Amino acid sequence: MLGEIIKMVKREICGVKLPDGMRKNERFPEPIITPTTKADEGHDLNISKEEIIEQGIVSAEDYAVMEEYTRKNFCSWTRNCR
């Protein structure tokens, strides 16, 4: 938990730098991907794209495909939910 607070002070989540001047509950200029992984206990842990690839959870190529699908689906979902 403390690590997540420190990351937020640095204005970063899951390896994604937050835009300067952004306020609480403000919409991002474009969607961001915030992956998590299971902790041994308690809450899920945020993990960056780089950490996922470095740890061999998925390859860079597979991550790029997942990221593309995630962005396309998000755009589709937000259009249909408004």
N, C-alpha and C. Protein backbone atom coordinates (compact mmCIF):
# COMPACT_ATOMS: atom_id res chain seq x y z
N MET A 1 0.82 -1.19 0.00
CA MET A 1 0.00 0.00 0.00
C MET A 1 0.87 1.25 0.00
N LEU A 2 1.87 1.29 0.85
CA LEU A 2 2.74 2.47 0.91
C LEU A 2 3.44 2.67 -0.43
N GLY A 3 3.86 1.57 -1.05
CA GLY A 3 4.50 1.67 -2.36
C GLY A 3 3.59 2.30 -3.39
N GLU A 4 2.31 1.96 -3.34
CA GLU A 4 1.35 2.54 -4.29
C GLU A 4 1.16 4.03 -4.02
N ILE A 5 1.15 4.44 -2.77
CA ILE A 5 1.03 5.86 -2.44
C ILE A 5 2.24 6.62 -2.96
N ILE A 6 3.43 6.05 -2.77
CA ILE A 6 4.64 6.70 -3.26
C ILE A 6 4.58 6.84 -4.77
N LYS A 7 4.13 5.81 -5.47
CA LYS A 7 4.02 5.89 -6.93
C LYS A 7 3.04 6.98 -7.35
N MET A 8 1.94 7.12 -6.60
CA MET A 8 0.96 8.15 -6.95
C MET A 8 1.54 9.54 -6.73
N VAL A 9 2.36 9.71 -5.70
CA VAL A 9 3.02 11.00 -5.47
C VAL A 9 3.93 11.31 -6.65
N LYS A 10 4.55 10.27 -7.19
CA LYS A 10 5.40 10.44 -8.37
C LYS A 10 4.56 10.60 -9.64
N ARG A 11 3.24 10.50 -9.48
CA ARG A 11 2.30 10.65 -10.58
C ARG A 11 2.51 9.59 -11.66
N GLU A 12 2.55 8.36 -11.18
CA GLU A 12 2.75 7.22 -12.07
C GLU A 12 1.92 6.06 -11.56
N ILE A 13 1.30 5.32 -12.48
CA ILE A 13 0.57 4.11 -12.10
C ILE A 13 0.82 3.05 -13.17
N CYS A 14 1.21 1.89 -12.73
CA CYS A 14 1.51 0.77 -13.61
C CYS A 14 2.53 1.14 -14.69
N GLY A 15 3.48 1.99 -14.32
CA GLY A 15 4.51 2.40 -15.26
C GLY A 15 4.12 3.51 -16.21
N VAL A 16 2.88 4.00 -16.09
CA VAL A 16 2.38 5.06 -16.98
C VAL A 16 2.46 6.39 -16.23
N LYS A 17 3.18 7.34 -16.79
CA LYS A 17 3.28 8.67 -16.18
C LYS A 17 1.96 9.41 -16.39
N LEU A 18 1.45 10.01 -15.32
CA LEU A 18 0.21 10.77 -15.41
C LEU A 18 0.51 12.17 -15.95
N PRO A 19 -0.39 12.73 -16.75
CA PRO A 19 -0.17 14.07 -17.29
C PRO A 19 -0.05 15.11 -16.18
N ASP A 20 0.84 16.07 -16.37
CA ASP A 20 0.98 17.18 -15.43
C ASP A 20 -0.32 17.95 -15.34
N GLY A 21 -0.66 18.41 -14.15
CA GLY A 21 -1.85 19.22 -13.95
C GLY A 21 -3.15 18.44 -13.89
N MET A 22 -3.09 17.14 -14.02
CA MET A 22 -4.31 16.33 -13.99
C MET A 22 -4.86 16.30 -12.58
N ARG A 23 -6.18 16.44 -12.47
CA ARG A 23 -6.85 16.44 -11.18
C ARG A 23 -7.64 15.16 -10.96
N LYS A 24 -7.97 14.91 -9.70
CA LYS A 24 -8.73 13.72 -9.33
C LYS A 24 -10.01 13.64 -10.16
N ASN A 25 -10.30 12.44 -10.66
CA ASN A 25 -11.49 12.11 -11.45
C ASN A 25 -11.53 12.78 -12.82
N GLU A 26 -10.45 13.39 -13.24
CA GLU A 26 -10.39 13.98 -14.58
C GLU A 26 -10.15 12.87 -15.60
N ARG A 27 -10.78 12.99 -16.76
CA ARG A 27 -10.62 12.00 -17.82
C ARG A 27 -9.22 12.09 -18.42
N PHE A 28 -8.62 10.94 -18.68
CA PHE A 28 -7.31 10.92 -19.32
C PHE A 28 -7.45 11.37 -20.78
N PRO A 29 -6.39 11.99 -21.32
CA PRO A 29 -6.45 12.40 -22.73
C PRO A 29 -6.68 11.20 -23.64
N GLU A 30 -6.13 10.06 -23.27
CA GLU A 30 -6.39 8.79 -23.96
C GLU A 30 -6.37 7.70 -22.90
N PRO A 31 -7.07 6.59 -23.14
CA PRO A 31 -7.12 5.53 -22.13
C PRO A 31 -5.72 5.01 -21.79
N ILE A 32 -5.53 4.63 -20.52
CA ILE A 32 -4.29 3.99 -20.11
C ILE A 32 -4.59 2.56 -19.69
N ILE A 33 -3.59 1.71 -19.80
CA ILE A 33 -3.74 0.32 -19.41
C ILE A 33 -3.05 0.13 -18.07
N THR A 34 -3.78 -0.42 -17.11
CA THR A 34 -3.26 -0.57 -15.75
C THR A 34 -3.33 -2.04 -15.32
N PRO A 35 -2.38 -2.85 -15.78
CA PRO A 35 -2.42 -4.28 -15.43
C PRO A 35 -2.10 -4.52 -13.96
N THR A 36 -2.59 -5.65 -13.46
CA THR A 36 -2.29 -6.08 -12.10
C THR A 36 -1.91 -7.55 -12.12
N THR A 37 -1.32 -7.98 -11.02
CA THR A 37 -0.98 -9.39 -10.83
C THR A 37 -1.41 -9.79 -9.43
N LYS A 38 -1.57 -11.06 -9.21
CA LYS A 38 -2.02 -11.55 -7.91
C LYS A 38 -0.91 -11.47 -6.87
N ALA A 39 -1.26 -11.01 -5.71
CA ALA A 39 -0.34 -11.01 -4.56
C ALA A 39 -0.51 -12.32 -3.82
N ASP A 40 0.48 -12.66 -3.01
CA ASP A 40 0.36 -13.87 -2.19
C ASP A 40 -0.82 -13.74 -1.23
N GLU A 41 -1.02 -12.51 -0.73
CA GLU A 41 -2.14 -12.22 0.17
C GLU A 41 -2.68 -10.84 -0.16
N GLY A 42 -3.92 -10.59 0.17
CA GLY A 42 -4.48 -9.25 0.05
C GLY A 42 -4.83 -8.85 -1.36
N HIS A 43 -4.61 -7.58 -1.64
CA HIS A 43 -5.04 -6.98 -2.90
C HIS A 43 -4.11 -7.34 -4.06
N ASP A 44 -4.63 -7.19 -5.28
CA ASP A 44 -3.80 -7.35 -6.46
C ASP A 44 -2.71 -6.28 -6.46
N LEU A 45 -1.62 -6.55 -7.16
CA LEU A 45 -0.51 -5.61 -7.23
C LEU A 45 -0.42 -5.01 -8.63
N ASN A 46 -0.25 -3.69 -8.68
CA ASN A 46 -0.02 -3.05 -9.97
C ASN A 46 1.30 -3.53 -10.54
N ILE A 47 1.37 -3.66 -11.86
CA ILE A 47 2.58 -4.09 -12.54
C ILE A 47 2.66 -3.33 -13.86
N SER A 48 3.86 -2.97 -14.26
CA SER A 48 4.01 -2.22 -15.50
C SER A 48 4.18 -3.15 -16.69
N LYS A 49 3.98 -2.61 -17.87
CA LYS A 49 4.21 -3.33 -19.11
C LYS A 49 5.64 -3.89 -19.12
N GLU A 50 6.60 -3.05 -18.73
CA GLU A 50 8.00 -3.46 -18.74
C GLU A 50 8.26 -4.62 -17.78
N GLU A 51 7.63 -4.57 -16.59
CA GLU A 51 7.80 -5.64 -15.61
C GLU A 51 7.19 -6.95 -16.13
N ILE A 52 6.06 -6.85 -16.79
CA ILE A 52 5.40 -8.04 -17.35
C ILE A 52 6.32 -8.72 -18.35
N ILE A 53 6.93 -7.93 -19.22
CA ILE A 53 7.81 -8.48 -20.25
C ILE A 53 9.11 -8.99 -19.62
N GLU A 54 9.71 -8.21 -18.71
CA GLU A 54 10.95 -8.62 -18.04
C GLU A 54 10.78 -9.92 -17.28
N GLN A 55 9.62 -10.11 -16.63
CA GLN A 55 9.38 -11.31 -15.83
C GLN A 55 8.96 -12.50 -16.68
N GLY A 56 8.79 -12.27 -17.99
CA GLY A 56 8.43 -13.36 -18.89
C GLY A 56 6.99 -13.81 -18.75
N ILE A 57 6.14 -12.95 -18.19
CA ILE A 57 4.73 -13.30 -18.05
C ILE A 57 4.12 -13.45 -19.44
N VAL A 58 4.43 -12.52 -20.32
CA VAL A 58 4.11 -12.62 -21.75
C VAL A 58 5.26 -11.96 -22.52
N SER A 59 5.36 -12.29 -23.80
CA SER A 59 6.40 -11.69 -24.64
C SER A 59 5.99 -10.27 -25.03
N ALA A 60 6.94 -9.49 -25.49
CA ALA A 60 6.65 -8.12 -25.95
C ALA A 60 5.64 -8.16 -27.10
N GLU A 61 5.77 -9.15 -27.97
CA GLU A 61 4.86 -9.27 -29.10
C GLU A 61 3.44 -9.57 -28.64
N ASP A 62 3.30 -10.51 -27.70
CA ASP A 62 1.97 -10.84 -27.18
C ASP A 62 1.37 -9.66 -26.42
N TYR A 63 2.20 -8.95 -25.67
CA TYR A 63 1.69 -7.78 -24.94
C TYR A 63 1.17 -6.74 -25.91
N ALA A 64 1.89 -6.52 -27.00
CA ALA A 64 1.45 -5.53 -28.00
C ALA A 64 0.08 -5.90 -28.57
N VAL A 65 -0.14 -7.18 -28.81
CA VAL A 65 -1.44 -7.64 -29.32
C VAL A 65 -2.52 -7.42 -28.27
N MET A 66 -2.24 -7.80 -27.02
CA MET A 66 -3.23 -7.62 -25.94
C MET A 66 -3.55 -6.14 -25.76
N GLU A 67 -2.52 -5.29 -25.83
CA GLU A 67 -2.71 -3.85 -25.67
C GLU A 67 -3.60 -3.30 -26.79
N GLU A 68 -3.36 -3.76 -28.01
CA GLU A 68 -4.17 -3.31 -29.15
C GLU A 68 -5.64 -3.72 -28.97
N TYR A 69 -5.87 -4.97 -28.60
CA TYR A 69 -7.24 -5.44 -28.38
C TYR A 69 -7.91 -4.68 -27.23
N THR A 70 -7.17 -4.44 -26.17
CA THR A 70 -7.71 -3.73 -25.02
C THR A 70 -8.16 -2.32 -25.42
N ARG A 71 -7.30 -1.62 -26.15
CA ARG A 71 -7.64 -0.25 -26.59
C ARG A 71 -8.85 -0.25 -27.52
N LYS A 72 -8.89 -1.18 -28.47
CA LYS A 72 -10.03 -1.26 -29.40
C LYS A 72 -11.32 -1.57 -28.66
N ASN A 73 -11.26 -2.53 -27.72
CA ASN A 73 -12.46 -2.88 -26.96
C ASN A 73 -12.91 -1.73 -26.08
N PHE A 74 -11.97 -1.04 -25.44
CA PHE A 74 -12.34 0.10 -24.60
C PHE A 74 -13.07 1.15 -25.42
N CYS A 75 -12.54 1.46 -26.59
CA CYS A 75 -13.20 2.46 -27.45
C CYS A 75 -14.60 2.01 -27.83
N SER A 76 -14.75 0.74 -28.13
CA SER A 76 -16.07 0.19 -28.48
C SER A 76 -17.01 0.27 -27.29
N TRP A 77 -16.53 -0.12 -26.11
CA TRP A 77 -17.36 -0.10 -24.90
C TRP A 77 -17.80 1.31 -24.56
N THR A 78 -16.90 2.26 -24.65
CA THR A 78 -17.27 3.63 -24.26
C THR A 78 -18.25 4.23 -25.24
N ARG A 79 -18.15 3.89 -26.51
CA ARG A 79 -19.14 4.38 -27.50
C ARG A 79 -20.52 3.81 -27.20
N ASN A 80 -20.56 2.53 -26.84
CA ASN A 80 -21.83 1.86 -26.61
C ASN A 80 -22.45 2.17 -25.25
N CYS A 81 -21.68 2.70 -24.34
CA CYS A 81 -22.18 2.95 -22.98
C CYS A 81 -22.57 4.40 -22.75
N ARG A 82 -22.43 5.25 -23.71
CA ARG A 82 -22.78 6.66 -23.50
C ARG A 82 -24.23 6.91 -23.79
